[in-house]
C-alpha atoms as a PDB file:
ATOM      1  CA  MET A   1      36.061  -9.526  67.402  1.00  0.00           C
ATOM      2  CA  LYS A   2      37.030  -8.807  63.794  1.00  0.00           C
ATOM      3  CA  HIS A   3      40.623  -9.376  62.683  1.00  0.00           C
ATOM      4  CA  GLU A   4      41.239  -5.643  62.221  1.00  0.00           C
ATOM      5  CA  ASP A   5      39.748  -4.838  65.649  1.00  0.00           C
ATOM      6  CA  PHE A   6      42.032  -7.411  67.273  1.00  0.00           C
ATOM      7  CA  ILE A   7      45.075  -5.868  65.574  1.00  0.00           C
ATOM      8  CA  LYS A   8      44.060  -2.353  66.636  1.00  0.00           C
ATOM      9  CA  THR A   9      43.576  -3.497  70.231  1.00  0.00           C
ATOM     10  CA  PHE A  10      46.978  -5.182  70.205  1.00  0.00           C
ATOM     11  CA  GLN A  11      48.591  -2.085  68.695  1.00  0.00           C
ATOM     12  CA  ARG A  12      47.107   0.188  71.381  1.00  0.00           C
ATOM     13  CA  ARG A  13      48.362  -2.118  74.142  1.00  0.00           C
ATOM     14  CA  ALA A  14      51.816  -2.230  72.517  1.00  0.00           C
ATOM     15  CA  GLY A  15      51.970   1.567  72.318  1.00  0.00           C
ATOM     16  CA  LEU A  16      51.720   1.663  68.518  1.00  0.00           C
ATOM     17  CA  ALA A  17      49.491   3.664  66.194  1.00  0.00           C
ATOM     18  CA  ALA A  18      46.202   1.731  66.134  1.00  0.00           C
ATOM     19  CA  ASP A  19      45.711   1.688  62.354  1.00  0.00           C
ATOM     20  CA  GLY A  20      44.948  -2.026  61.914  1.00  0.00           C
ATOM     21  CA  ILE A  21      47.846  -2.444  59.476  1.00  0.00           C
ATOM     22  CA  VAL A  22      50.209  -5.315  60.202  1.00  0.00           C
ATOM     23  CA  GLY A  23      53.350  -3.486  59.144  1.00  0.00           C
ATOM     24  CA  PRO A  24      56.963  -3.926  60.288  1.00  0.00           C
ATOM     25  CA  ASN A  25      56.461  -2.305  63.734  1.00  0.00           C
ATOM     26  CA  THR A  26      53.377  -4.390  64.498  1.00  0.00           C
ATOM     27  CA  ILE A  27      55.108  -7.554  63.318  1.00  0.00           C
ATOM     28  CA  ALA A  28      58.071  -6.799  65.585  1.00  0.00           C
ATOM     29  CA  ALA A  29      55.715  -6.270  68.547  1.00  0.00           C
ATOM     30  CA  LEU A  30      53.832  -9.502  67.768  1.00  0.00           C
ATOM     31  CA  GLU A  31      57.090 -11.434  67.543  1.00  0.00           C
ATOM     32  CA  LYS A  32      58.139 -10.037  70.912  1.00  0.00           C
ATOM     33  CA  ALA A  33      54.786 -10.897  72.490  1.00  0.00           C
ATOM     34  CA  PHE A  34      54.492 -14.302  70.796  1.00  0.00           C
ATOM     35  CA  PRO A  35      58.027 -15.624  70.101  1.00  0.00           C
ATOM     36  CA  ASN A  36      58.231 -18.071  67.190  1.00  0.00           C
ATOM     37  CA  ALA A  37      54.486 -17.744  66.522  1.00  0.00           C
ATOM     38  CA  ILE A  38      54.773 -15.844  63.248  1.00  0.00           C
ATOM     39  CA  LYS A  39      56.437 -17.906  60.543  1.00  0.00           C
ATOM     40  CA  SER A  40      54.469 -17.087  57.421  1.00  0.00           C
ATOM     41  CA  PRO A  41      52.369 -14.162  56.177  1.00  0.00           C
ATOM     42  CA  PRO A  42      48.658 -14.268  56.972  1.00  0.00           C
ATOM     43  CA  PRO A  43      46.420 -15.710  54.260  1.00  0.00           C
ATOM     44  CA  HIS A  44      43.997 -13.496  52.360  1.00  0.00           C
ATOM     45  CA  PRO A  45      40.615 -14.606  50.946  1.00  0.00           C
ATOM     46  CA  LYS A  46      41.144 -12.838  47.601  1.00  0.00           C
ATOM     47  CA  PHE A  47      44.880 -13.335  47.089  1.00  0.00           C
ATOM     48  CA  PRO A  48      46.452 -16.798  46.596  1.00  0.00           C
ATOM     49  CA  THR A  49      49.217 -17.650  49.044  1.00  0.00           C
ATOM     50  CA  GLU A  50      51.705 -18.222  46.214  1.00  0.00           C
ATOM     51  CA  HIS A  51      51.033 -14.682  44.968  1.00  0.00           C
ATOM     52  CA  ILE A  52      51.454 -13.186  48.444  1.00  0.00           C
ATOM     53  CA  GLU A  53      54.754 -15.048  48.802  1.00  0.00           C
ATOM     54  CA  GLY A  54      55.864 -13.899  45.332  1.00  0.00           C
ATOM     55  CA  ALA A  55      55.037 -10.285  46.155  1.00  0.00           C
ATOM     56  CA  ILE A  56      56.922 -10.507  49.463  1.00  0.00           C
ATOM     57  CA  GLU A  57      59.944 -12.008  47.707  1.00  0.00           C
ATOM     58  CA  ALA A  58      59.945  -9.153  45.177  1.00  0.00           C
ATOM     59  CA  ASP A  59      59.646  -6.696  48.088  1.00  0.00           C
ATOM     60  CA  GLN A  60      62.606  -8.237  49.928  1.00  0.00           C
ATOM     61  CA  GLU A  61      64.873  -8.654  46.894  1.00  0.00           C
ATOM     62  CA  LEU A  62      63.947  -5.676  44.735  1.00  0.00           C
ATOM     63  CA  GLY A  63      62.304  -3.121  47.026  1.00  0.00           C
ATOM     64  CA  VAL A  64      58.920  -3.095  45.295  1.00  0.00           C
ATOM     65  CA  PRO A  65      56.244  -2.851  48.028  1.00  0.00           C
ATOM     66  CA  ALA A  66      54.358  -6.144  48.218  1.00  0.00           C
ATOM     67  CA  SER A  67      51.061  -4.269  48.474  1.00  0.00           C
ATOM     68  CA  VAL A  68      51.696  -2.655  45.076  1.00  0.00           C
ATOM     69  CA  SER A  69      52.558  -5.947  43.376  1.00  0.00           C
ATOM     70  CA  LEU A  70      49.431  -7.584  44.786  1.00  0.00           C
ATOM     71  CA  ALA A  71      47.200  -4.651  43.840  1.00  0.00           C
ATOM     72  CA  GLN A  72      48.615  -4.640  40.314  1.00  0.00           C
ATOM     73  CA  TRP A  73      47.956  -8.387  40.078  1.00  0.00           C
ATOM     74  CA  ALA A  74      44.340  -7.784  41.150  1.00  0.00           C
ATOM     75  CA  LEU A  75      43.779  -4.889  38.761  1.00  0.00           C
ATOM     76  CA  GLU A  76      45.624  -6.251  35.730  1.00  0.00           C
ATOM     77  CA  SER A  77      44.191  -9.769  35.919  1.00  0.00           C
ATOM     78  CA  GLY A  78      40.763  -9.135  37.495  1.00  0.00           C
ATOM     79  CA  TYR A  79      41.871 -11.073  40.586  1.00  0.00           C
ATOM     80  CA  GLY A  80      43.258 -13.850  38.407  1.00  0.00           C
ATOM     81  CA  LYS A  81      40.260 -14.149  36.106  1.00  0.00           C
ATOM     82  CA  SER A  82      41.753 -12.507  33.035  1.00  0.00           C
ATOM     83  CA  MET A  83      45.242 -12.523  31.558  1.00  0.00           C
ATOM     84  CA  PRO A  84      46.873 -13.376  28.245  1.00  0.00           C
ATOM     85  CA  PRO A  85      46.050 -17.084  27.700  1.00  0.00           C
ATOM     86  CA  GLY A  86      48.825 -19.479  28.728  1.00  0.00           C
ATOM     87  CA  SER A  87      51.115 -16.625  29.711  1.00  0.00           C
ATOM     88  CA  ASN A  88      51.284 -16.769  33.538  1.00  0.00           C
ATOM     89  CA  ASN A  89      51.504 -12.990  33.100  1.00  0.00           C
ATOM     90  CA  PRO A  90      48.948 -11.452  35.471  1.00  0.00           C
ATOM     91  CA  PHE A  91      50.543  -7.981  35.234  1.00  0.00           C
ATOM     92  CA  GLY A  92      49.946  -7.478  31.546  1.00  0.00           C
ATOM     93  CA  MET A  93      53.688  -6.955  31.020  1.00  0.00           C
ATOM     94  CA  LYS A  94      54.283  -6.284  27.348  1.00  0.00           C
ATOM     95  CA  ALA A  95      57.343  -7.544  25.528  1.00  0.00           C
ATOM     96  CA  ARG A  96      59.809  -4.748  24.874  1.00  0.00           C
ATOM     97  CA  LYS A  97      61.420  -4.239  21.470  1.00  0.00           C
ATOM     98  CA  ASN A  98      64.350  -6.576  20.821  1.00  0.00           C
ATOM     99  CA  GLU A  99      63.429  -8.620  23.917  1.00  0.00           C
ATOM    100  CA  THR A 100      63.988 -12.349  23.635  1.00  0.00           C
ATOM    101  CA  GLY A 101      61.820 -14.978  25.254  1.00  0.00           C
ATOM    102  CA  PRO A 102      58.354 -16.413  24.669  1.00  0.00           C
ATOM    103  CA  THR A 103      55.387 -14.118  24.106  1.00  0.00           C
ATOM    104  CA  VAL A 104      51.669 -14.263  23.363  1.00  0.00           C
ATOM    105  CA  THR A 105      49.819 -11.708  21.220  1.00  0.00           C
ATOM    106  CA  VAL A 106      46.626 -10.238  22.667  1.00  0.00           C
ATOM    107  CA  ARG A 107      44.252  -7.432  21.679  1.00  0.00           C
ATOM    108  CA  THR A 108      44.474  -4.750  24.358  1.00  0.00           C
ATOM    109  CA  ARG A 109      42.835  -1.441  25.278  1.00  0.00           C
ATOM    110  CA  GLU A 110      45.056   1.642  25.430  1.00  0.00           C
ATOM    111  CA  VAL A 111      44.361   5.337  26.059  1.00  0.00           C
ATOM    112  CA  TYR A 112      45.848   8.266  24.131  1.00  0.00           C
ATOM    113  CA  THR A 113      47.959  10.318  26.555  1.00  0.00           C
ATOM    114  CA  SER A 114      48.496  13.365  24.352  1.00  0.00           C
ATOM    115  CA  GLY A 115      47.348  15.070  21.183  1.00  0.00           C
ATOM    116  CA  PRO A 116      43.816  15.781  19.975  1.00  0.00           C
ATOM    117  CA  LYS A 117      42.597  12.315  21.002  1.00  0.00           C
ATOM    118  CA  LYS A 118      43.949  12.551  24.564  1.00  0.00           C
ATOM    119  CA  GLY A 119      41.816  10.441  26.926  1.00  0.00           C
ATOM    120  CA  GLN A 120      40.200   8.401  24.142  1.00  0.00           C
ATOM    121  CA  ALA A 121      40.547   4.632  24.124  1.00  0.00           C
ATOM    122  CA  TYR A 122      41.865   2.571  21.234  1.00  0.00           C
ATOM    123  CA  TYR A 123      42.732  -1.100  20.677  1.00  0.00           C
ATOM    124  CA  ILE A 124      45.887  -2.752  19.379  1.00  0.00           C
ATOM    125  CA  ASP A 125      47.310  -6.271  19.047  1.00  0.00           C
ATOM    126  CA  ALA A 126      50.363  -6.376  21.313  1.00  0.00           C
ATOM    127  CA  PRO A 127      52.928  -9.014  22.338  1.00  0.00           C
ATOM    128  CA  PHE A 128      52.871  -9.878  26.053  1.00  0.00           C
ATOM    129  CA  ARG A 129      55.604 -11.697  27.955  1.00  0.00           C
ATOM    130  CA  LYS A 130      55.081 -15.360  28.834  1.00  0.00           C
ATOM    131  CA  PHE A 131      56.406 -16.770  32.143  1.00  0.00           C
ATOM    132  CA  ASP A 132      56.928 -20.346  33.313  1.00  0.00           C
ATOM    133  CA  SER A 133      55.201 -19.667  36.672  1.00  0.00           C
ATOM    134  CA  PHE A 134      53.442 -16.954  38.656  1.00  0.00           C
ATOM    135  CA  GLY A 135      56.445 -16.750  40.986  1.00  0.00           C
ATOM    136  CA  HIS A 136      58.611 -15.954  37.963  1.00  0.00           C
ATOM    137  CA  ALA A 137      56.110 -13.275  36.907  1.00  0.00           C
ATOM    138  CA  PHE A 138      56.233 -11.574  40.316  1.00  0.00           C
ATOM    139  CA  ILE A 139      60.048 -11.492  40.272  1.00  0.00           C
ATOM    140  CA  GLU A 140      60.180 -10.144  36.709  1.00  0.00           C
ATOM    141  CA  HIS A 141      57.580  -7.532  37.598  1.00  0.00           C
ATOM    142  CA  GLY A 142      59.732  -6.650  40.623  1.00  0.00           C
ATOM    143  CA  LYS A 143      62.810  -6.330  38.401  1.00  0.00           C
ATOM    144  CA  LEU A 144      60.943  -3.979  36.092  1.00  0.00           C
ATOM    145  CA  LEU A 145      59.742  -1.629  38.823  1.00  0.00           C
ATOM    146  CA  GLY A 146      62.771  -2.129  41.055  1.00  0.00           C
ATOM    147  CA  THR A 147      65.619  -1.678  38.572  1.00  0.00           C
ATOM    148  CA  ALA A 148      64.466  -0.076  35.303  1.00  0.00           C
ATOM    149  CA  PRO A 149      65.773   3.504  35.014  1.00  0.00           C
ATOM    150  CA  VAL A 150      62.370   4.775  33.864  1.00  0.00           C
ATOM    151  CA  TYR A 151      60.931   3.941  37.321  1.00  0.00           C
ATOM    152  CA  ALA A 152      63.730   5.688  39.258  1.00  0.00           C
ATOM    153  CA  PRO A 153      61.526   8.765  39.918  1.00  0.00           C
ATOM    154  CA  ALA A 154      58.916   6.477  41.516  1.00  0.00           C
ATOM    155  CA  ARG A 155      61.500   4.640  43.633  1.00  0.00           C
ATOM    156  CA  ALA A 156      62.796   7.996  44.871  1.00  0.00           C
ATOM    157  CA  LYS A 157      59.367   8.653  46.440  1.00  0.00           C
ATOM    158  CA  LEU A 158      59.634   5.682  48.840  1.00  0.00           C
ATOM    159  CA  PRO A 159      58.839   5.204  51.679  1.00  0.00           C
ATOM    160  CA  ASP A 160      55.859   7.479  50.800  1.00  0.00           C
ATOM    161  CA  LEU A 161      53.680   4.745  49.297  1.00  0.00           C
ATOM    162  CA  ASP A 162      51.011   7.052  47.830  1.00  0.00           C
ATOM    163  CA  ALA A 163      53.614   9.248  46.115  1.00  0.00           C
ATOM    164  CA  TYR A 164      55.357   6.134  44.806  1.00  0.00           C
ATOM    165  CA  ILE A 165      52.104   4.759  43.368  1.00  0.00           C
ATOM    166  CA  GLU A 166      51.132   8.079  41.769  1.00  0.00           C
ATOM    167  CA  THR A 167      54.513   8.426  40.063  1.00  0.00           C
ATOM    168  CA  MET A 168      54.730   4.757  39.072  1.00  0.00           C
ATOM    169  CA  GLY A 169      51.176   4.802  37.722  1.00  0.00           C
ATOM    170  CA  ARG A 170      51.894   7.645  35.307  1.00  0.00           C
ATOM    171  CA  ILE A 171      54.805   5.650  33.880  1.00  0.00           C
ATOM    172  CA  TYR A 172      53.296   2.149  33.979  1.00  0.00           C
ATOM    173  CA  ALA A 173      49.857   2.732  32.448  1.00  0.00           C
ATOM    174  CA  THR A 174      48.066   4.996  30.007  1.00  0.00           C
ATOM    175  CA  ASP A 175      44.916   4.935  32.169  1.00  0.00           C
ATOM    176  CA  PRO A 176      44.872   8.288  34.027  1.00  0.00           C
ATOM    177  CA  THR A 177      43.006   6.685  36.953  1.00  0.00           C
ATOM    178  CA  TYR A 178      45.458   3.778  37.318  1.00  0.00           C
ATOM    179  CA  ALA A 179      47.155   5.047  40.496  1.00  0.00           C
ATOM    180  CA  ASP A 180      43.823   5.741  42.197  1.00  0.00           C
ATOM    181  CA  LYS A 181      42.668   2.209  41.390  1.00  0.00           C
ATOM    182  CA  ILE A 182      45.849   0.698  42.843  1.00  0.00           C
ATOM    183  CA  LYS A 183      45.551   2.741  46.044  1.00  0.00           C
ATOM    184  CA  SER A 184      41.898   1.757  46.423  1.00  0.00           C
ATOM    185  CA  ILE A 185      42.672  -1.965  46.052  1.00  0.00           C
ATOM    186  CA  ILE A 186      45.445  -1.706  48.651  1.00  0.00           C
ATOM    187  CA  ARG A 187      43.208   0.147  51.087  1.00  0.00           C
ATOM    188  CA  THR A 188      40.068  -1.970  50.736  1.00  0.00           C
ATOM    189  CA  ASN A 189      41.990  -5.262  50.974  1.00  0.00           C
ATOM    190  CA  GLY A 190      44.387  -4.343  53.784  1.00  0.00           C
ATOM    191  CA  LEU A 191      47.421  -5.167  51.642  1.00  0.00           C
ATOM    192  CA  ARG A 192      49.894  -2.965  53.505  1.00  0.00           C
ATOM    193  CA  GLN A 193      50.194  -5.766  56.064  1.00  0.00           C
ATOM    194  CA  TYR A 194      52.497  -7.530  53.575  1.00  0.00           C
ATOM    195  CA  ASP A 195      54.902  -4.614  53.033  1.00  0.00           C
ATOM    196  CA  GLY A 196      58.282  -5.237  54.587  1.00  0.00           C
ATOM    197  CA  TRP A 197      57.272  -8.722  55.726  1.00  0.00           C
ATOM    198  CA  LYS A 198      60.089 -10.855  57.093  1.00  0.00           C
ATOM    199  CA  ALA A 199      59.404 -14.495  57.958  1.00  0.00           C
END
């Protein structure tokens, strides 16, 4: 039996919606059925454990859904294969004006969002933030999405995850398909199982 089939079977027997997502209600039912059995989030073949834990910490402390942080890590860094060298910055977080702290300069692709060139790509050399660890990067990413006033309209959409992603995507990236890419990564990798996780 596949993992998802097992979860759906358990959910049906527990009287839950059999969607295969290990969300807060399913976790609560599993804890009731198997006391003390669930201590840490399930591993994922494409997502390092330290990243899953970082995303969950940002979810718990800053309210940024873990699935979104993980999907952004996957999209921005090509599942860890590409990021500004020596930066520990898998989110492609650029340094803001007058921001202190170490940075690295990288050539990056942008897309015009208005004017006669709207939709066309262009390249610039931009400063990106440099972090001392991936855990630090996940927390800083969580602070950006979870506290910056510019993302307040996205936060107001929660708990509707799709609406949150669509609003956040328009603010976070110039790529008009960014939100669709994030939603696809979440769906195809079953990342909603990490949202609201409590060890």
